[in-house]
Amino acid sequence: MAQSPATSCDIGELSTTPLTFTSDLRPLMQATINGKPVSAVVNIGSAQNIILNKKTLNRLDIKVRHVTSTQFQESRSLTTNIVPQNNITPSGMFIVREGLSVFVDQLSVGQTRLSDSWFLVEDFIDDTFGARIGAGNLLQTDLEVALDSGYLKQFKPEGCFREHLAYWDPDAVAVPINVDLHKRDPRPLFRVVINGKEVWALLSTATPHSYIPSSVAGRLGLAATSAGATREEPLPGHGQDKPVWSVPVGQMSVGGLAVKDFNVRLMDLPHSGEILVLGTDFLHRHRVYIAMSQRQVYFSAVKNPIMKRGSVEVIARPTE
């Protein structure tokens, strides 16, 4: 039975955004660019804000410009050192990048309404998605991710710091998160226990299958030789010498929540850090409230989850 926060707490619901889904379970939201509708892929596993697709902009006859920008680069790679080490802020440096940008008269996505604004541009694989919406945009507020029910909700709570914010489930588990105090990377990290060993994890709505680097898996008791492991197709652009294995997880918990009958992919990902990425296979089975206002995440298991596969086919990057 759902439980509302205390009367002194205003949960501050801002918006509800309906979702559709790709054929491989990734959520999409509707956006408009200069009044023209486009699909936007939701990616809370990316630290970026809003990225627009060069192919879509060309189709809409919107001019793209080449620019030079200065950006903060984490050491070695984006995910290498976001794992807190002895409570020290991740290290890195500012570097100069050549890129693309665009001036847009009007953009609308979720609760965001922007006019006369500049956006970064990337050349996506195809024109299926006109934009990518990352944690830099979505996690400026609290965010409920309910893939099982097909929506995102954004909140701005007031007077709720010690209240239980998972209003739909009084038994939802709250897990503390680590965030970058310098706000260079908005993605929250939390601890997961696999076979008695802790590992840092993050959530990704743009990743169909949860995965972990092969270099970390052995410490957690996961291996290609584990009972029930099956070999999968290699990642797009990778050869057969870099196999992907789907491995059953014996024991897994997030705080006090036991995760049962779950597989993770083991991948050869050099310099990727000790990060478990929980994708949409996890998020279709668990409703999540990311409470940036409290620095914790609530997890609630979904009873009888339905994997929402849409009709949008995903075009894989060809093997080089």
Protein backbone atom coordinates (compact mmCIF):
# COMPACT_ATOMS: atom_id res chain seq x y z
CA MET A 1 0.00 0.00 0.00
CA ALA A 2 1.41 3.39 -1.04
CA GLN A 3 2.48 5.80 1.66
CA SER A 4 2.62 9.58 1.23
CA PRO A 5 5.40 11.68 2.78
CA ALA A 6 4.66 13.63 5.99
CA THR A 7 2.43 16.71 5.69
CA SER A 8 5.41 19.05 6.27
CA CYS A 9 7.04 17.53 3.19
CA ASP A 10 6.03 18.78 -0.26
CA ILE A 11 7.28 16.19 -2.75
CA GLY A 12 6.99 18.81 -5.49
CA GLU A 13 6.01 16.78 -8.57
CA LEU A 14 7.10 18.77 -11.62
CA SER A 15 6.25 16.62 -14.62
CA THR A 16 5.39 13.17 -15.93
CA THR A 17 6.97 12.16 -19.23
CA PRO A 18 5.51 9.15 -21.09
CA LEU A 19 7.99 6.74 -22.62
CA THR A 20 8.05 4.49 -25.64
CA PHE A 21 10.68 1.81 -26.16
CA THR A 22 13.09 0.49 -28.75
CA SER A 23 13.15 -3.16 -29.72
CA ASP A 24 16.02 -3.70 -27.26
CA LEU A 25 14.19 -2.15 -24.25
CA ARG A 26 15.69 1.36 -24.26
CA PRO A 27 13.30 4.21 -23.35
CA LEU A 28 12.50 7.07 -25.70
CA MET A 29 10.81 10.39 -24.99
CA GLN A 30 9.26 12.87 -27.38
CA ALA A 31 11.08 16.12 -28.12
CA THR A 32 10.68 19.00 -30.53
CA ILE A 33 13.36 21.00 -32.33
CA ASN A 34 12.06 24.26 -33.79
CA GLY A 35 8.56 22.84 -33.52
CA LYS A 36 9.39 19.60 -35.37
CA PRO A 37 8.83 16.33 -33.43
CA VAL A 38 11.83 14.03 -32.93
CA SER A 39 12.52 11.01 -30.74
CA ALA A 40 15.06 11.38 -27.93
CA VAL A 41 16.82 8.45 -26.28
CA VAL A 42 16.97 8.67 -22.47
CA ASN A 43 20.46 8.04 -21.10
CA ILE A 44 20.93 8.59 -17.36
CA GLY A 45 24.16 6.59 -17.69
CA SER A 46 25.72 9.51 -19.56
CA ALA A 47 27.01 12.59 -17.75
CA GLN A 48 26.10 14.78 -20.74
CA ASN A 49 23.16 17.16 -20.87
CA ILE A 50 21.35 17.33 -24.24
CA ILE A 51 23.12 16.21 -27.41
CA LEU A 52 21.53 16.69 -30.84
CA ASN A 53 21.96 14.44 -33.87
CA LYS A 54 23.76 15.98 -36.86
CA LYS A 55 21.76 13.84 -39.32
CA THR A 56 18.46 15.04 -37.86
CA LEU A 57 19.59 18.67 -37.94
CA ASN A 58 20.62 18.30 -41.59
CA ARG A 59 17.19 16.87 -42.39
CA LEU A 60 15.55 19.83 -40.62
CA ASP A 61 17.82 22.23 -42.55
CA ILE A 62 19.39 23.62 -39.35
CA LYS A 63 22.98 24.77 -39.81
CA VAL A 64 25.66 23.03 -37.71
CA ARG A 65 28.88 24.87 -36.81
CA HIS A 66 32.39 23.65 -36.03
CA VAL A 67 33.58 24.89 -32.64
CA THR A 68 36.52 24.66 -30.24
CA SER A 69 35.68 24.06 -26.58
CA THR A 70 37.43 23.42 -23.28
CA GLN A 71 36.14 20.45 -21.27
CA PHE A 72 37.15 18.64 -18.09
CA GLN A 73 38.42 15.13 -18.85
CA GLU A 74 38.55 12.49 -16.12
CA SER A 75 41.83 10.58 -15.89
CA ARG A 76 42.19 7.93 -18.63
CA SER A 77 38.47 7.73 -19.49
CA LEU A 78 35.07 9.04 -18.45
CA THR A 79 34.33 6.08 -16.21
CA THR A 80 37.81 5.18 -14.99
CA ASN A 81 38.08 7.35 -11.92
CA ILE A 82 34.51 8.31 -11.08
CA VAL A 83 34.75 5.64 -8.40
CA PRO A 84 35.51 7.51 -5.18
CA GLN A 85 38.93 6.58 -3.81
CA ASN A 86 39.32 7.33 -0.07
CA ASN A 87 36.79 10.16 -0.45
CA ILE A 88 39.14 12.07 -2.77
CA THR A 89 37.56 13.90 -5.69
CA PRO A 90 38.39 12.25 -9.04
CA SER A 91 41.40 13.74 -10.82
CA GLY A 92 41.67 14.92 -14.39
CA MET A 93 42.51 17.90 -16.54
CA PHE A 94 40.98 20.46 -18.86
CA ILE A 95 41.54 19.76 -22.54
CA VAL A 96 40.66 21.55 -25.78
CA ARG A 97 38.29 19.72 -28.13
CA GLU A 98 37.13 20.31 -31.68
CA GLY A 99 33.45 19.61 -32.09
CA LEU A 100 30.08 20.60 -33.48
CA SER A 101 27.39 22.87 -32.10
CA VAL A 102 24.10 24.31 -33.25
CA PHE A 103 21.92 27.30 -32.43
CA VAL A 104 18.29 26.27 -32.01
CA ASP A 105 15.35 28.67 -31.85
CA GLN A 106 13.27 26.36 -29.67
CA LEU A 107 13.76 22.97 -28.02
CA SER A 108 11.30 21.10 -25.83
CA VAL A 109 11.89 17.80 -24.04
CA GLY A 110 10.31 16.59 -20.80
CA GLN A 111 9.96 19.61 -18.52
CA THR A 112 12.75 21.46 -20.35
CA ARG A 113 11.74 24.40 -22.57
CA LEU A 114 14.63 26.32 -24.10
CA SER A 115 14.73 29.18 -26.58
CA ASP A 116 17.61 30.73 -28.53
CA SER A 117 20.13 28.21 -27.17
CA TRP A 118 23.32 26.49 -28.27
CA PHE A 119 23.68 22.68 -28.10
CA LEU A 120 26.47 20.21 -28.67
CA VAL A 121 26.08 18.01 -31.75
CA GLU A 122 27.25 14.50 -32.53
CA ASP A 123 26.94 12.45 -35.70
CA PHE A 124 24.77 9.54 -34.52
CA ILE A 125 24.82 6.22 -36.35
CA ASP A 126 21.52 7.04 -38.08
CA ASP A 127 18.49 9.35 -37.91
CA THR A 128 16.44 7.10 -35.60
CA PHE A 129 17.00 9.43 -32.62
CA GLY A 130 17.13 13.19 -32.96
CA ALA A 131 18.57 13.78 -29.48
CA ARG A 132 20.14 12.10 -26.47
CA ILE A 133 19.04 13.29 -23.03
CA GLY A 134 21.59 12.59 -20.31
CA ALA A 135 21.95 12.85 -16.56
CA GLY A 136 23.18 16.44 -16.90
CA ASN A 137 19.61 17.38 -17.78
CA LEU A 138 17.45 14.80 -16.03
CA LEU A 139 19.23 14.77 -12.67
CA GLN A 140 19.01 18.49 -12.02
CA THR A 141 15.98 17.37 -9.99
CA ASP A 142 14.88 14.15 -8.30
CA LEU A 143 13.88 11.55 -10.87
CA GLU A 144 11.56 8.54 -10.70
CA VAL A 145 12.37 5.93 -13.36
CA ALA A 146 9.38 3.64 -13.89
CA LEU A 147 10.09 1.68 -17.05
CA ASP A 148 7.55 -0.95 -15.95
CA SER A 149 4.79 1.67 -16.15
CA GLY A 150 6.27 3.59 -19.06
CA TYR A 151 7.12 7.00 -17.59
CA LEU A 152 9.65 9.29 -15.95
CA LYS A 153 8.65 11.73 -13.21
CA GLN A 154 10.65 14.70 -12.01
CA PHE A 155 10.33 16.16 -8.52
CA LYS A 156 11.68 19.07 -6.50
CA PRO A 157 10.93 18.18 -2.85
CA GLU A 158 10.74 20.81 -0.11
CA GLY A 159 11.09 19.93 3.58
CA CYS A 160 11.59 16.23 2.78
CA PHE A 161 15.23 15.59 3.65
CA ARG A 162 14.44 12.81 6.17
CA GLU A 163 11.21 11.57 4.58
CA HIS A 164 10.63 8.37 2.60
CA LEU A 165 10.19 9.58 -0.99
CA ALA A 166 9.31 6.29 -2.70
CA TYR A 167 5.62 7.14 -2.33
CA TRP A 168 4.40 4.00 -4.13
CA ASP A 169 6.16 1.52 -1.80
CA PRO A 170 6.78 2.07 1.93
CA ASP A 171 9.18 -0.89 1.85
CA ALA A 172 11.39 0.49 -0.92
CA VAL A 173 15.08 0.26 0.00
CA ALA A 174 17.09 3.50 0.23
CA VAL A 175 20.79 3.30 -0.65
CA PRO A 176 23.27 6.19 -0.16
CA ILE A 177 24.96 7.58 -3.26
CA ASN A 178 28.25 9.27 -4.01
CA VAL A 179 28.12 12.33 -6.24
CA ASP A 180 30.83 14.62 -7.59
CA LEU A 181 30.81 17.58 -5.19
CA HIS A 182 32.23 19.79 -7.97
CA LYS A 183 29.21 18.89 -10.15
CA ARG A 184 31.35 17.86 -13.10
CA ASP A 185 29.63 14.48 -13.28
CA PRO A 186 25.99 14.29 -12.11
CA ARG A 187 25.70 10.50 -12.18
CA PRO A 188 25.13 8.89 -8.77
CA LEU A 189 27.21 5.89 -7.72
CA PHE A 190 26.10 3.33 -5.14
CA ARG A 191 27.34 0.04 -3.74
CA VAL A 192 26.08 -3.37 -4.83
CA VAL A 193 27.10 -6.67 -3.22
CA ILE A 194 27.74 -9.66 -5.50
CA ASN A 195 28.67 -12.97 -3.92
CA GLY A 196 29.70 -11.18 -0.72
CA LYS A 197 31.94 -8.61 -2.47
CA GLU A 198 31.14 -4.91 -2.88
CA VAL A 199 31.33 -3.14 -6.23
CA TRP A 200 30.38 0.39 -7.29
CA ALA A 201 27.43 0.62 -9.68
CA LEU A 202 25.56 3.16 -11.77
CA LEU A 203 22.27 3.09 -13.67
CA SER A 204 21.97 3.34 -17.45
CA THR A 205 18.73 3.58 -19.41
CA ALA A 206 20.63 3.37 -22.70
CA THR A 207 22.18 -0.04 -21.99
CA PRO A 208 19.91 -3.03 -22.72
CA HIS A 209 22.02 -5.50 -20.74
CA SER A 210 23.76 -4.96 -17.41
CA TYR A 211 27.49 -5.47 -17.67
CA ILE A 212 30.79 -5.39 -15.85
CA PRO A 213 34.40 -5.44 -17.12
CA SER A 214 35.89 -8.92 -17.27
CA SER A 215 38.89 -7.64 -15.30
CA VAL A 216 36.63 -7.04 -12.29
CA ALA A 217 34.36 -10.08 -12.60
CA GLY A 218 36.81 -12.59 -11.13
CA ARG A 219 36.94 -10.72 -7.82
CA LEU A 220 33.15 -11.06 -7.64
CA GLY A 221 33.12 -14.79 -8.38
CA LEU A 222 31.89 -14.32 -11.97
CA ALA A 223 33.61 -16.02 -14.90
CA ALA A 224 33.00 -17.35 -18.39
CA THR A 225 33.41 -20.81 -16.88
CA SER A 226 30.64 -20.25 -14.31
CA ALA A 227 27.72 -22.68 -14.40
CA GLY A 228 25.06 -21.45 -16.82
CA ALA A 229 27.31 -18.95 -18.61
CA THR A 230 26.57 -18.47 -22.32
CA ARG A 231 28.59 -16.78 -25.02
CA GLU A 232 26.95 -13.76 -26.69
CA GLU A 233 27.73 -11.80 -29.83
CA PRO A 234 30.71 -9.42 -29.46
CA LEU A 235 30.11 -5.71 -29.13
CA PRO A 236 29.60 -3.79 -32.40
CA GLY A 237 33.02 -3.01 -33.81
CA HIS A 238 34.71 -5.81 -31.82
CA GLY A 239 35.98 -9.08 -33.22
CA GLN A 240 35.50 -12.64 -32.01
CA ASP A 241 38.68 -12.30 -29.95
CA LYS A 242 36.74 -10.09 -27.51
CA PRO A 243 33.80 -12.28 -26.52
CA VAL A 244 30.87 -11.26 -24.35
CA TRP A 245 29.58 -13.74 -21.76
CA SER A 246 26.20 -13.72 -20.04
CA VAL A 247 26.76 -15.07 -16.54
CA PRO A 248 24.16 -15.85 -13.85
CA VAL A 249 24.74 -13.99 -10.59
CA GLY A 250 24.55 -16.30 -7.59
CA GLN A 251 23.89 -13.71 -4.87
CA MET A 252 23.28 -10.02 -5.45
CA SER A 253 21.85 -7.28 -3.26
CA VAL A 254 21.35 -3.52 -3.39
CA GLY A 255 21.13 -2.41 0.22
CA GLY A 256 18.52 -4.69 1.77
CA LEU A 257 17.01 -5.62 -1.62
CA ALA A 258 17.87 -9.09 -2.89
CA VAL A 259 18.14 -9.31 -6.69
CA LYS A 260 17.25 -12.79 -7.91
CA ASP A 261 17.49 -14.62 -11.22
CA PHE A 262 19.75 -11.99 -12.74
CA ASN A 263 22.50 -12.19 -15.36
CA VAL A 264 25.30 -9.76 -16.14
CA ARG A 265 27.46 -9.51 -19.25
CA LEU A 266 31.21 -9.84 -18.86
CA MET A 267 33.02 -7.65 -21.38
CA ASP A 268 36.62 -6.91 -22.25
CA LEU A 269 36.62 -3.17 -21.56
CA PRO A 270 40.14 -1.80 -20.95
CA HIS A 271 40.43 1.27 -18.71
CA SER A 272 36.72 1.15 -17.79
CA GLY A 273 37.18 1.07 -14.03
CA GLU A 274 35.51 -1.16 -11.47
CA ILE A 275 31.97 -0.16 -12.40
CA LEU A 276 28.90 -2.39 -12.63
CA VAL A 277 26.47 -0.83 -15.10
CA LEU A 278 22.84 -1.76 -14.39
CA GLY A 279 20.88 -1.43 -17.61
CA THR A 280 17.28 -1.63 -18.70
CA ASP A 281 17.10 -5.37 -17.95
CA PHE A 282 17.45 -4.32 -14.28
CA LEU A 283 15.32 -1.17 -14.56
CA HIS A 284 12.33 -2.97 -16.11
CA ARG A 285 12.32 -5.15 -12.98
CA HIS A 286 12.88 -2.38 -10.43
CA ARG A 287 11.25 1.01 -10.00
CA VAL A 288 13.80 3.60 -8.94
CA TYR A 289 13.60 7.04 -7.33
CA ILE A 290 16.89 8.92 -7.64
CA ALA A 291 16.73 11.37 -4.74
CA MET A 292 19.44 13.89 -5.56
CA SER A 293 17.89 16.04 -2.81
CA GLN A 294 18.73 13.36 -0.21
CA ARG A 295 21.81 11.82 -1.86
CA GLN A 296 20.27 8.38 -1.99
CA VAL A 297 18.42 6.11 -4.41
CA TYR A 298 15.26 4.14 -3.62
CA PHE A 299 14.80 0.69 -5.16
CA SER A 300 11.55 -1.26 -5.32
CA ALA A 301 11.09 -4.64 -7.01
CA VAL A 302 8.32 -4.78 -9.63
CA LYS A 303 5.87 -7.63 -9.29
CA ASN A 304 5.36 -9.52 -12.56
CA PRO A 305 7.48 -7.12 -14.68
CA ILE A 306 6.68 -6.78 -18.36
CA MET A 307 9.63 -6.12 -20.67
CA LYS A 308 8.38 -3.32 -22.90
CA ARG A 309 9.85 -3.95 -26.35
CA GLY A 310 8.96 -1.31 -28.90
CA SER A 311 9.01 -1.30 -32.67
CA VAL A 312 12.03 0.97 -33.15
CA GLU A 313 14.82 -1.18 -34.49
CA VAL A 314 18.36 -0.30 -33.45
CA ILE A 315 20.99 -0.17 -36.17
CA ALA A 316 24.27 -1.59 -34.91
CA ARG A 317 27.57 0.01 -35.76
CA PRO A 318 29.25 -2.17 -38.41
CA THR A 319 32.33 -4.18 -37.53
CA GLU A 320 35.49 -2.54 -38.83
